[in-house]
Amino acid sequence: MDSNAVKKYLLELQELIVERMEQVDGGRFLRDEWQRDAGNGGGRVCIIEDGDVLERGGVAFSHVTGDRLPASATAHRPELAGCNWEAMGVSLVMHPRNPYAPSSHMNVRLFMATKPDGEKVFWFGGGMDLTPYYGFEEDAVHFHQVCKNALAPFDPALHPRFKKWCDEYFFLKHRNEPRGVGGIFFDDMSEPDFATCFAIQQSVGDHYLSAYVPILEKRKDTPYGERERDFQLYRRGRYVEFNLVCDRGTLFGLQSGGRTEVILLSMPPLVKWRYDWYPEKGTPEMELYEKFLVPKDWV
């Protein structure tokens, strides 16, 4: 179990994604190195705000350690309470300015812990998902097809399993609706072995750009007005609600003493909420709810 190889891959993946997104936007990402106050880890944040295409985009790498796993990590593994641990990963969110361009999220990560008897345990996790504000069937099909392609070399059963997991995870129970059109999501992956799990993680990370960039480039210059912008900001509120209320990664970061600015990197820069509002029947806004915020087999 070589965590150094995983760390090397994650740092290279971060830079690859940042460089490609800089090409799309035309602006530069700020690169910010940070260390935890306790000296047990740190990371590198790459962020762009108020770009030509990306209103906000962030790609964060972190590698942190500790002597006691937080509650969010031991909820399903009580036997690991009090164990030494290390966690590393790359997490990103892209929030384009154009309402016709969807937001996207991707995360790949590794947790390792050492039991009191010296036994080391590990689990990989990650995935990617798409959150449109105005739905296009061809975009959803493309994104899901690339997700399927990422997993195809390993086991044909992985894609339907990880797709269903994504639909169930990125779901706002308090709203009874999905966050977007889904993608793939996996966690607690340790079978059949470290090398295979790492290879799956790499494939997921490597396929993000081909899943998202063609959609972003197609939609980023679509004309829009105040109506579309207003609806985009309203729907972004769901993104905030999910990340603050539902997301295990946010809870882990806060409970483990992570850097707050990095943990909340995924927040969109502008958001609106309205009391008890729903779009009218027959509008493009209602079409998002009726045709896209419904789990389905896109490929």
C-alpha atoms as a PDB file:
ATOM      1  CA  MET A   1       0.000   0.000   0.000  1.00  0.00           C
ATOM      2  CA  ASP A   2       2.018   2.935  -1.326  1.00  0.00           C
ATOM      3  CA  SER A   3       0.334   6.207  -0.417  1.00  0.00           C
ATOM      4  CA  ASN A   4       3.271   8.119  -1.954  1.00  0.00           C
ATOM      5  CA  ALA A   5       2.270   6.912  -5.431  1.00  0.00           C
ATOM      6  CA  VAL A   6      -1.276   8.092  -4.798  1.00  0.00           C
ATOM      7  CA  LYS A   7      -0.050  11.496  -3.614  1.00  0.00           C
ATOM      8  CA  LYS A   8       2.133  11.918  -6.707  1.00  0.00           C
ATOM      9  CA  TYR A   9      -0.810  11.077  -8.972  1.00  0.00           C
ATOM     10  CA  LEU A  10      -3.165  13.466  -7.184  1.00  0.00           C
ATOM     11  CA  LEU A  11      -0.765  16.405  -7.441  1.00  0.00           C
ATOM     12  CA  GLU A  12      -0.249  15.746 -11.153  1.00  0.00           C
ATOM     13  CA  LEU A  13      -4.019  15.450 -11.680  1.00  0.00           C
ATOM     14  CA  GLN A  14      -4.613  18.766  -9.937  1.00  0.00           C
ATOM     15  CA  GLU A  15      -2.145  20.590 -12.159  1.00  0.00           C
ATOM     16  CA  LEU A  16      -3.457  18.926 -15.331  1.00  0.00           C
ATOM     17  CA  ILE A  17      -7.038  19.987 -14.593  1.00  0.00           C
ATOM     18  CA  VAL A  18      -6.035  23.527 -13.618  1.00  0.00           C
ATOM     19  CA  GLU A  19      -3.995  24.016 -16.784  1.00  0.00           C
ATOM     20  CA  ARG A  20      -6.870  22.795 -18.980  1.00  0.00           C
ATOM     21  CA  MET A  21      -9.427  24.987 -17.220  1.00  0.00           C
ATOM     22  CA  GLU A  22      -7.129  27.980 -17.615  1.00  0.00           C
ATOM     23  CA  GLN A  23      -7.193  27.341 -21.359  1.00  0.00           C
ATOM     24  CA  VAL A  24     -10.992  27.312 -21.347  1.00  0.00           C
ATOM     25  CA  ASP A  25     -11.354  30.430 -19.207  1.00  0.00           C
ATOM     26  CA  GLY A  26      -8.394  32.443 -20.437  1.00  0.00           C
ATOM     27  CA  GLY A  27      -7.526  33.518 -16.901  1.00  0.00           C
ATOM     28  CA  ARG A  28      -5.117  32.235 -14.301  1.00  0.00           C
ATOM     29  CA  PHE A  29      -5.870  30.227 -11.181  1.00  0.00           C
ATOM     30  CA  LEU A  30      -4.354  31.466  -7.928  1.00  0.00           C
ATOM     31  CA  ARG A  31      -2.143  28.751  -6.422  1.00  0.00           C
ATOM     32  CA  ASP A  32      -2.056  28.814  -2.636  1.00  0.00           C
ATOM     33  CA  GLU A  33       0.037  26.434  -0.508  1.00  0.00           C
ATOM     34  CA  TRP A  34      -1.102  25.884   3.076  1.00  0.00           C
ATOM     35  CA  GLN A  35      -0.077  23.974   6.205  1.00  0.00           C
ATOM     36  CA  ARG A  36      -2.164  22.939   9.190  1.00  0.00           C
ATOM     37  CA  ASP A  37      -1.362  24.801  12.395  1.00  0.00           C
ATOM     38  CA  ALA A  38      -0.643  21.537  14.188  1.00  0.00           C
ATOM     39  CA  GLY A  39       1.926  20.638  11.557  1.00  0.00           C
ATOM     40  CA  ASN A  40       0.212  17.412  10.556  1.00  0.00           C
ATOM     41  CA  GLY A  41      -0.463  18.061   6.920  1.00  0.00           C
ATOM     42  CA  GLY A  42      -1.454  20.673   4.400  1.00  0.00           C
ATOM     43  CA  GLY A  43      -2.168  21.074   0.746  1.00  0.00           C
ATOM     44  CA  ARG A  44      -2.453  23.296  -2.291  1.00  0.00           C
ATOM     45  CA  VAL A  45      -5.507  25.229  -3.424  1.00  0.00           C
ATOM     46  CA  CYS A  46      -5.930  26.449  -6.986  1.00  0.00           C
ATOM     47  CA  ILE A  47      -8.818  28.876  -7.428  1.00  0.00           C
ATOM     48  CA  ILE A  48     -10.195  31.310  -9.979  1.00  0.00           C
ATOM     49  CA  GLU A  49     -12.881  33.873  -9.216  1.00  0.00           C
ATOM     50  CA  ASP A  50     -14.670  36.242 -11.561  1.00  0.00           C
ATOM     51  CA  GLY A  51     -13.103  34.690 -14.654  1.00  0.00           C
ATOM     52  CA  ASP A  52     -14.398  35.102 -18.200  1.00  0.00           C
ATOM     53  CA  VAL A  53     -16.066  31.665 -18.137  1.00  0.00           C
ATOM     54  CA  LEU A  54     -15.816  30.499 -14.533  1.00  0.00           C
ATOM     55  CA  GLU A  55     -17.492  32.705 -11.972  1.00  0.00           C
ATOM     56  CA  ARG A  56     -15.759  30.493  -9.456  1.00  0.00           C
ATOM     57  CA  GLY A  57     -13.671  27.372  -9.864  1.00  0.00           C
ATOM     58  CA  GLY A  58     -11.524  25.569  -7.344  1.00  0.00           C
ATOM     59  CA  VAL A  59      -9.263  22.525  -7.417  1.00  0.00           C
ATOM     60  CA  ALA A  60      -7.913  21.554  -4.004  1.00  0.00           C
ATOM     61  CA  PHE A  61      -5.328  18.964  -3.010  1.00  0.00           C
ATOM     62  CA  SER A  62      -4.932  18.050   0.645  1.00  0.00           C
ATOM     63  CA  HIS A  63      -2.898  15.516   2.613  1.00  0.00           C
ATOM     64  CA  VAL A  64      -3.573  15.478   6.336  1.00  0.00           C
ATOM     65  CA  THR A  65      -2.919  13.110   9.243  1.00  0.00           C
ATOM     66  CA  GLY A  66      -4.211  12.674  12.747  1.00  0.00           C
ATOM     67  CA  ASP A  67      -4.222  10.404  15.801  1.00  0.00           C
ATOM     68  CA  ARG A  68      -7.994  10.078  16.149  1.00  0.00           C
ATOM     69  CA  LEU A  69     -10.480   9.673  13.311  1.00  0.00           C
ATOM     70  CA  PRO A  70     -13.404  12.133  13.489  1.00  0.00           C
ATOM     71  CA  ALA A  71     -16.954  10.890  14.041  1.00  0.00           C
ATOM     72  CA  SER A  72     -17.914  11.289  10.358  1.00  0.00           C
ATOM     73  CA  ALA A  73     -15.271   8.701   9.408  1.00  0.00           C
ATOM     74  CA  THR A  74     -16.027   6.192  12.158  1.00  0.00           C
ATOM     75  CA  ALA A  75     -19.828   6.229  11.974  1.00  0.00           C
ATOM     76  CA  HIS A  76     -19.730   3.041   9.902  1.00  0.00           C
ATOM     77  CA  ARG A  77     -16.422   1.796  11.346  1.00  0.00           C
ATOM     78  CA  PRO A  78     -16.597   2.056  15.158  1.00  0.00           C
ATOM     79  CA  GLU A  79     -13.647  -0.324  15.463  1.00  0.00           C
ATOM     80  CA  LEU A  80     -11.394   2.422  14.057  1.00  0.00           C
ATOM     81  CA  ALA A  81     -12.249   5.008  16.699  1.00  0.00           C
ATOM     82  CA  GLY A  82      -9.042   6.399  18.147  1.00  0.00           C
ATOM     83  CA  CYS A  83      -6.817   5.112  15.323  1.00  0.00           C
ATOM     84  CA  ASN A  84      -4.010   6.981  13.620  1.00  0.00           C
ATOM     85  CA  TRP A  85      -5.009   8.015  10.100  1.00  0.00           C
ATOM     86  CA  GLU A  86      -4.027   9.863   6.951  1.00  0.00           C
ATOM     87  CA  ALA A  87      -6.253  11.236   4.220  1.00  0.00           C
ATOM     88  CA  MET A  88      -5.419  12.693   0.827  1.00  0.00           C
ATOM     89  CA  GLY A  89      -7.428  13.723  -2.160  1.00  0.00           C
ATOM     90  CA  VAL A  90      -8.264  16.148  -4.916  1.00  0.00           C
ATOM     91  CA  SER A  91     -11.654  17.822  -4.840  1.00  0.00           C
ATOM     92  CA  LEU A  92     -12.953  20.336  -7.347  1.00  0.00           C
ATOM     93  CA  VAL A  93     -16.029  22.370  -8.202  1.00  0.00           C
ATOM     94  CA  MET A  94     -16.627  24.499 -11.285  1.00  0.00           C
ATOM     95  CA  HIS A  95     -19.335  27.167 -11.253  1.00  0.00           C
ATOM     96  CA  PRO A  96     -19.585  28.815 -14.692  1.00  0.00           C
ATOM     97  CA  ARG A  97     -21.122  32.252 -15.077  1.00  0.00           C
ATOM     98  CA  ASN A  98     -23.421  31.293 -17.974  1.00  0.00           C
ATOM     99  CA  PRO A  99     -26.683  29.746 -16.691  1.00  0.00           C
ATOM    100  CA  TYR A 100     -26.748  27.345 -19.634  1.00  0.00           C
ATOM    101  CA  ALA A 101     -23.397  25.889 -18.588  1.00  0.00           C
ATOM    102  CA  PRO A 102     -23.727  23.351 -15.756  1.00  0.00           C
ATOM    103  CA  SER A 103     -21.720  23.241 -12.573  1.00  0.00           C
ATOM    104  CA  SER A 104     -19.597  20.169 -12.022  1.00  0.00           C
ATOM    105  CA  HIS A 105     -17.927  18.412  -9.120  1.00  0.00           C
ATOM    106  CA  MET A 106     -15.227  15.762  -8.941  1.00  0.00           C
ATOM    107  CA  ASN A 107     -13.409  14.152  -6.039  1.00  0.00           C
ATOM    108  CA  VAL A 108     -10.897  11.344  -5.675  1.00  0.00           C
ATOM    109  CA  ARG A 109      -9.502  10.424  -2.273  1.00  0.00           C
ATOM    110  CA  LEU A 110      -7.706   7.859  -0.132  1.00  0.00           C
ATOM    111  CA  PHE A 111      -8.065   7.167   3.599  1.00  0.00           C
ATOM    112  CA  MET A 112      -5.649   4.971   5.510  1.00  0.00           C
ATOM    113  CA  ALA A 113      -5.781   4.036   9.186  1.00  0.00           C
ATOM    114  CA  THR A 114      -3.657   1.948  11.532  1.00  0.00           C
ATOM    115  CA  LYS A 115      -5.400  -0.278  14.067  1.00  0.00           C
ATOM    116  CA  PRO A 116      -3.995  -0.695  17.586  1.00  0.00           C
ATOM    117  CA  ASP A 117      -2.537  -4.081  16.582  1.00  0.00           C
ATOM    118  CA  GLY A 118      -0.613  -2.427  13.724  1.00  0.00           C
ATOM    119  CA  GLU A 119      -2.876  -3.629  10.903  1.00  0.00           C
ATOM    120  CA  LYS A 120      -3.279  -1.026   8.152  1.00  0.00           C
ATOM    121  CA  VAL A 121      -6.638  -0.549   6.473  1.00  0.00           C
ATOM    122  CA  PHE A 122      -7.474   1.641   3.482  1.00  0.00           C
ATOM    123  CA  TRP A 123     -10.399   2.760   1.421  1.00  0.00           C
ATOM    124  CA  PHE A 124     -10.664   4.771  -1.775  1.00  0.00           C
ATOM    125  CA  GLY A 125     -13.563   7.006  -2.715  1.00  0.00           C
ATOM    126  CA  GLY A 126     -14.616   9.580  -5.237  1.00  0.00           C
ATOM    127  CA  GLY A 127     -16.701  10.279  -8.306  1.00  0.00           C
ATOM    128  CA  MET A 128     -18.030  13.109 -10.413  1.00  0.00           C
ATOM    129  CA  ASP A 129     -21.442  14.627 -11.023  1.00  0.00           C
ATOM    130  CA  LEU A 130     -23.110  17.282 -13.169  1.00  0.00           C
ATOM    131  CA  THR A 131     -25.510  20.000 -12.005  1.00  0.00           C
ATOM    132  CA  PRO A 132     -27.277  21.795 -14.856  1.00  0.00           C
ATOM    133  CA  TYR A 133     -29.573  24.785 -14.437  1.00  0.00           C
ATOM    134  CA  TYR A 134     -31.059  24.350 -17.899  1.00  0.00           C
ATOM    135  CA  GLY A 135     -31.069  20.763 -19.073  1.00  0.00           C
ATOM    136  CA  PHE A 136     -29.805  19.388 -22.378  1.00  0.00           C
ATOM    137  CA  GLU A 137     -30.268  15.699 -22.994  1.00  0.00           C
ATOM    138  CA  GLU A 138     -27.131  15.442 -25.135  1.00  0.00           C
ATOM    139  CA  ASP A 139     -25.042  16.893 -22.301  1.00  0.00           C
ATOM    140  CA  ALA A 140     -26.408  14.417 -19.764  1.00  0.00           C
ATOM    141  CA  VAL A 141     -25.847  11.512 -22.153  1.00  0.00           C
ATOM    142  CA  HIS A 142     -22.272  12.619 -22.894  1.00  0.00           C
ATOM    143  CA  PHE A 143     -21.376  13.027 -19.225  1.00  0.00           C
ATOM    144  CA  HIS A 144     -22.789   9.642 -18.232  1.00  0.00           C
ATOM    145  CA  GLN A 145     -21.182   7.914 -21.207  1.00  0.00           C
ATOM    146  CA  VAL A 146     -17.736   9.155 -20.184  1.00  0.00           C
ATOM    147  CA  CYS A 147     -18.402   8.041 -16.606  1.00  0.00           C
ATOM    148  CA  LYS A 148     -19.303   4.607 -17.939  1.00  0.00           C
ATOM    149  CA  ASN A 149     -16.169   4.558 -20.096  1.00  0.00           C
ATOM    150  CA  ALA A 150     -14.021   5.317 -17.049  1.00  0.00           C
ATOM    151  CA  LEU A 151     -15.197   2.152 -15.299  1.00  0.00           C
ATOM    152  CA  ALA A 152     -15.583  -0.153 -18.306  1.00  0.00           C
ATOM    153  CA  PRO A 153     -12.027  -1.627 -18.223  1.00  0.00           C
ATOM    154  CA  PHE A 154     -12.532  -2.987 -14.711  1.00  0.00           C
ATOM    155  CA  ASP A 155     -15.979  -4.557 -14.302  1.00  0.00           C
ATOM    156  CA  PRO A 156     -19.253  -3.955 -16.193  1.00  0.00           C
ATOM    157  CA  ALA A 157     -21.101  -4.083 -12.891  1.00  0.00           C
ATOM    158  CA  LEU A 158     -19.300  -1.024 -11.516  1.00  0.00           C
ATOM    159  CA  HIS A 159     -21.076   1.643 -13.567  1.00  0.00           C
ATOM    160  CA  PRO A 160     -24.686   0.778 -12.682  1.00  0.00           C
ATOM    161  CA  ARG A 161     -23.632   0.346  -9.056  1.00  0.00           C
ATOM    162  CA  PHE A 162     -21.707   3.629  -8.856  1.00  0.00           C
ATOM    163  CA  LYS A 163     -24.387   5.507 -10.832  1.00  0.00           C
ATOM    164  CA  LYS A 164     -27.093   4.379  -8.415  1.00  0.00           C
ATOM    165  CA  TRP A 165     -24.839   5.294  -5.499  1.00  0.00           C
ATOM    166  CA  CYS A 166     -24.426   8.772  -6.975  1.00  0.00           C
ATOM    167  CA  ASP A 167     -28.171   9.225  -7.475  1.00  0.00           C
ATOM    168  CA  GLU A 168     -28.763   8.246  -3.864  1.00  0.00           C
ATOM    169  CA  TYR A 169     -25.899  10.248  -2.357  1.00  0.00           C
ATOM    170  CA  PHE A 170     -26.396  13.570  -4.167  1.00  0.00           C
ATOM    171  CA  PHE A 171     -30.015  13.764  -3.073  1.00  0.00           C
ATOM    172  CA  LEU A 172     -31.464  16.494  -0.866  1.00  0.00           C
ATOM    173  CA  LYS A 173     -33.811  14.567   1.422  1.00  0.00           C
ATOM    174  CA  HIS A 174     -35.223  17.754   2.891  1.00  0.00           C
ATOM    175  CA  ARG A 175     -36.216  18.861  -0.629  1.00  0.00           C
ATOM    176  CA  ASN A 176     -36.960  15.379  -1.962  1.00  0.00           C
ATOM    177  CA  GLU A 177     -34.990  16.102  -5.117  1.00  0.00           C
ATOM    178  CA  PRO A 178     -31.605  15.284  -6.679  1.00  0.00           C
ATOM    179  CA  ARG A 179     -28.897  17.917  -6.802  1.00  0.00           C
ATOM    180  CA  GLY A 180     -28.417  17.415 -10.543  1.00  0.00           C
ATOM    181  CA  VAL A 181     -28.303  14.696 -13.183  1.00  0.00           C
ATOM    182  CA  GLY A 182     -25.817  12.582 -11.258  1.00  0.00           C
ATOM    183  CA  GLY A 183     -22.771  10.743 -12.533  1.00  0.00           C
ATOM    184  CA  ILE A 184     -20.812   8.217 -10.478  1.00  0.00           C
ATOM    185  CA  PHE A 185     -19.936   7.984  -6.798  1.00  0.00           C
ATOM    186  CA  PHE A 186     -18.113   5.393  -4.715  1.00  0.00           C
ATOM    187  CA  ASP A 187     -16.788   5.146  -1.190  1.00  0.00           C
ATOM    188  CA  ASP A 188     -15.265   2.578   1.168  1.00  0.00           C
ATOM    189  CA  MET A 189     -13.649   0.790  -1.778  1.00  0.00           C
ATOM    190  CA  SER A 190     -10.925  -1.650  -0.707  1.00  0.00           C
ATOM    191  CA  GLU A 191     -11.649  -4.761  -2.787  1.00  0.00           C
ATOM    192  CA  PRO A 192     -10.098  -6.646  -4.445  1.00  0.00           C
ATOM    193  CA  ASP A 193      -6.783  -4.964  -3.552  1.00  0.00           C
ATOM    194  CA  PHE A 194      -4.974  -1.638  -3.247  1.00  0.00           C
ATOM    195  CA  ALA A 195      -3.572  -1.640  -6.800  1.00  0.00           C
ATOM    196  CA  THR A 196      -6.935  -2.267  -8.453  1.00  0.00           C
ATOM    197  CA  CYS A 197      -8.732   0.313  -6.350  1.00  0.00           C
ATOM    198  CA  PHE A 198      -6.022   2.870  -7.126  1.00  0.00           C
ATOM    199  CA  ALA A 199      -6.347   2.111 -10.853  1.00  0.00           C
ATOM    200  CA  ILE A 200     -10.101   2.695 -10.701  1.00  0.00           C
ATOM    201  CA  GLN A 201      -9.547   5.975  -8.879  1.00  0.00           C
ATOM    202  CA  GLN A 202      -7.031   7.070 -11.493  1.00  0.00           C
ATOM    203  CA  SER A 203      -9.401   6.270 -14.338  1.00  0.00           C
ATOM    204  CA  VAL A 204     -12.169   8.314 -12.745  1.00  0.00           C
ATOM    205  CA  GLY A 205      -9.842  11.275 -12.226  1.00  0.00           C
ATOM    206  CA  ASP A 206      -8.413  10.998 -15.726  1.00  0.00           C
ATOM    207  CA  HIS A 207     -11.866  11.059 -17.352  1.00  0.00           C
ATOM    208  CA  TYR A 208     -13.138  14.234 -15.672  1.00  0.00           C
ATOM    209  CA  LEU A 209     -11.906  16.679 -18.287  1.00  0.00           C
ATOM    210  CA  SER A 210     -13.311  14.701 -21.208  1.00  0.00           C
ATOM    211  CA  ALA A 211     -16.646  14.437 -19.381  1.00  0.00           C
ATOM    212  CA  TYR A 212     -17.035  18.128 -18.532  1.00  0.00           C
ATOM    213  CA  VAL A 213     -14.976  20.381 -20.801  1.00  0.00           C
ATOM    214  CA  PRO A 214     -16.846  19.629 -24.061  1.00  0.00           C
ATOM    215  CA  ILE A 215     -20.124  20.565 -22.347  1.00  0.00           C
ATOM    216  CA  LEU A 216     -18.670  23.740 -20.867  1.00  0.00           C
ATOM    217  CA  GLU A 217     -17.173  24.829 -24.192  1.00  0.00           C
ATOM    218  CA  LYS A 218     -20.482  24.187 -25.965  1.00  0.00           C
ATOM    219  CA  ARG A 219     -22.606  26.214 -23.514  1.00  0.00           C
ATOM    220  CA  LYS A 220     -20.332  28.980 -22.186  1.00  0.00           C
ATOM    221  CA  ASP A 221     -21.236  31.555 -24.864  1.00  0.00           C
ATOM    222  CA  THR A 222     -24.987  30.867 -25.073  1.00  0.00           C
ATOM    223  CA  PRO A 223     -26.931  34.171 -24.919  1.00  0.00           C
ATOM    224  CA  TYR A 224     -28.928  34.641 -21.714  1.00  0.00           C
ATOM    225  CA  GLY A 225     -30.842  37.299 -19.836  1.00  0.00           C
ATOM    226  CA  GLU A 226     -31.918  38.250 -16.327  1.00  0.00           C
ATOM    227  CA  ARG A 227     -34.513  35.460 -16.163  1.00  0.00           C
ATOM    228  CA  GLU A 228     -31.940  32.723 -16.766  1.00  0.00           C
ATOM    229  CA  ARG A 229     -29.459  34.317 -14.399  1.00  0.00           C
ATOM    230  CA  ASP A 230     -32.091  34.608 -11.674  1.00  0.00           C
ATOM    231  CA  PHE A 231     -33.032  30.930 -11.980  1.00  0.00           C
ATOM    232  CA  GLN A 232     -29.376  29.881 -11.936  1.00  0.00           C
ATOM    233  CA  LEU A 233     -28.808  31.723  -8.649  1.00  0.00           C
ATOM    234  CA  TYR A 234     -31.958  30.182  -7.170  1.00  0.00           C
ATOM    235  CA  ARG A 235     -30.853  26.657  -8.111  1.00  0.00           C
ATOM    236  CA  ARG A 236     -27.370  27.315  -6.750  1.00  0.00           C
ATOM    237  CA  GLY A 237     -29.057  27.523  -3.369  1.00  0.00           C
ATOM    238  CA  ARG A 238     -29.622  23.773  -3.595  1.00  0.00           C
ATOM    239  CA  TYR A 239     -25.892  23.309  -4.097  1.00  0.00           C
ATOM    240  CA  VAL A 240     -25.180  25.220  -0.908  1.00  0.00           C
ATOM    241  CA  GLU A 241     -27.839  23.319   1.018  1.00  0.00           C
ATOM    242  CA  PHE A 242     -26.435  19.954  -0.003  1.00  0.00           C
ATOM    243  CA  ASN A 243     -22.849  20.829   0.856  1.00  0.00           C
ATOM    244  CA  LEU A 244     -23.688  22.252   4.272  1.00  0.00           C
ATOM    245  CA  VAL A 245     -26.431  19.827   5.324  1.00  0.00           C
ATOM    246  CA  CYS A 246     -25.714  16.527   3.590  1.00  0.00           C
ATOM    247  CA  ASP A 247     -22.129  16.185   2.418  1.00  0.00           C
ATOM    248  CA  ARG A 248     -19.906  13.824   4.422  1.00  0.00           C
ATOM    249  CA  GLY A 249     -16.754  15.435   3.027  1.00  0.00           C
ATOM    250  CA  THR A 250     -17.702  18.820   4.464  1.00  0.00           C
ATOM    251  CA  LEU A 251     -18.400  17.256   7.859  1.00  0.00           C
ATOM    252  CA  PHE A 252     -15.122  15.329   7.828  1.00  0.00           C
ATOM    253  CA  GLY A 253     -13.154  18.445   6.945  1.00  0.00           C
ATOM    254  CA  LEU A 254     -14.677  20.514   9.715  1.00  0.00           C
ATOM    255  CA  GLN A 255     -14.529  17.748  12.325  1.00  0.00           C
ATOM    256  CA  SER A 256     -10.901  16.920  11.541  1.00  0.00           C
ATOM    257  CA  GLY A 257      -9.774  20.526  11.950  1.00  0.00           C
ATOM    258  CA  GLY A 258      -9.265  21.205   8.260  1.00  0.00           C
ATOM    259  CA  ARG A 259      -8.826  24.611   6.717  1.00  0.00           C
ATOM    260  CA  THR A 260     -12.267  26.222   6.486  1.00  0.00           C
ATOM    261  CA  GLU A 261     -11.488  28.234   3.339  1.00  0.00           C
ATOM    262  CA  VAL A 262     -10.621  25.006   1.540  1.00  0.00           C
ATOM    263  CA  ILE A 263     -13.560  23.024   2.900  1.00  0.00           C
ATOM    264  CA  LEU A 264     -15.990  25.688   1.697  1.00  0.00           C
ATOM    265  CA  LEU A 265     -14.233  26.113  -1.651  1.00  0.00           C
ATOM    266  CA  SER A 266     -17.233  24.523  -3.373  1.00  0.00           C
ATOM    267  CA  MET A 267     -19.613  27.343  -2.472  1.00  0.00           C
ATOM    268  CA  PRO A 268     -20.918  29.324  -5.470  1.00  0.00           C
ATOM    269  CA  PRO A 269     -20.102  33.049  -5.289  1.00  0.00           C
ATOM    270  CA  LEU A 270     -23.675  34.310  -5.681  1.00  0.00           C
ATOM    271  CA  VAL A 271     -26.888  32.558  -4.566  1.00  0.00           C
ATOM    272  CA  LYS A 272     -30.590  33.363  -4.087  1.00  0.00           C
ATOM    273  CA  TRP A 273     -33.344  31.837  -1.997  1.00  0.00           C
ATOM    274  CA  ARG A 274     -37.088  32.395  -2.362  1.00  0.00           C
ATOM    275  CA  TYR A 275     -39.923  31.354  -0.089  1.00  0.00           C
ATOM    276  CA  ASP A 276     -42.054  28.479  -1.429  1.00  0.00           C
ATOM    277  CA  TRP A 277     -41.301  29.199  -5.099  1.00  0.00           C
ATOM    278  CA  TYR A 278     -41.795  26.818  -7.995  1.00  0.00           C
ATOM    279  CA  PRO A 279     -41.417  27.409 -11.747  1.00  0.00           C
ATOM    280  CA  GLU A 280     -44.516  27.566 -13.917  1.00  0.00           C
ATOM    281  CA  LYS A 281     -45.686  24.626 -15.956  1.00  0.00           C
ATOM    282  CA  GLY A 282     -44.483  24.576 -19.544  1.00  0.00           C
ATOM    283  CA  THR A 283     -41.375  26.701 -18.888  1.00  0.00           C
ATOM    284  CA  PRO A 284     -37.742  25.709 -19.485  1.00  0.00           C
ATOM    285  CA  GLU A 285     -37.240  26.051 -15.759  1.00  0.00           C
ATOM    286  CA  MET A 286     -39.946  23.479 -14.994  1.00  0.00           C
ATOM    287  CA  GLU A 287     -38.456  21.198 -17.654  1.00  0.00           C
ATOM    288  CA  LEU A 288     -35.346  20.919 -15.463  1.00  0.00           C
ATOM    289  CA  TYR A 289     -37.481  19.467 -12.670  1.00  0.00           C
ATOM    290  CA  GLU A 290     -39.621  17.221 -14.850  1.00  0.00           C
ATOM    291  CA  LYS A 291     -36.997  15.788 -17.217  1.00  0.00           C
ATOM    292  CA  PHE A 292     -33.600  16.155 -15.571  1.00  0.00           C
ATOM    293  CA  LEU A 293     -33.987  16.127 -11.793  1.00  0.00           C
ATOM    294  CA  VAL A 294     -35.297  12.589 -12.124  1.00  0.00           C
ATOM    295  CA  PRO A 295     -32.901   9.645 -11.814  1.00  0.00           C
ATOM    296  CA  LYS A 296     -32.809   7.740 -15.091  1.00  0.00           C
ATOM    297  CA  ASP A 297     -30.506   5.623 -17.210  1.00  0.00           C
ATOM    298  CA  TRP A 298     -28.953   8.146 -19.583  1.00  0.00           C
ATOM    299  CA  VAL A 299     -26.785   5.568 -21.379  1.00  0.00           C
END
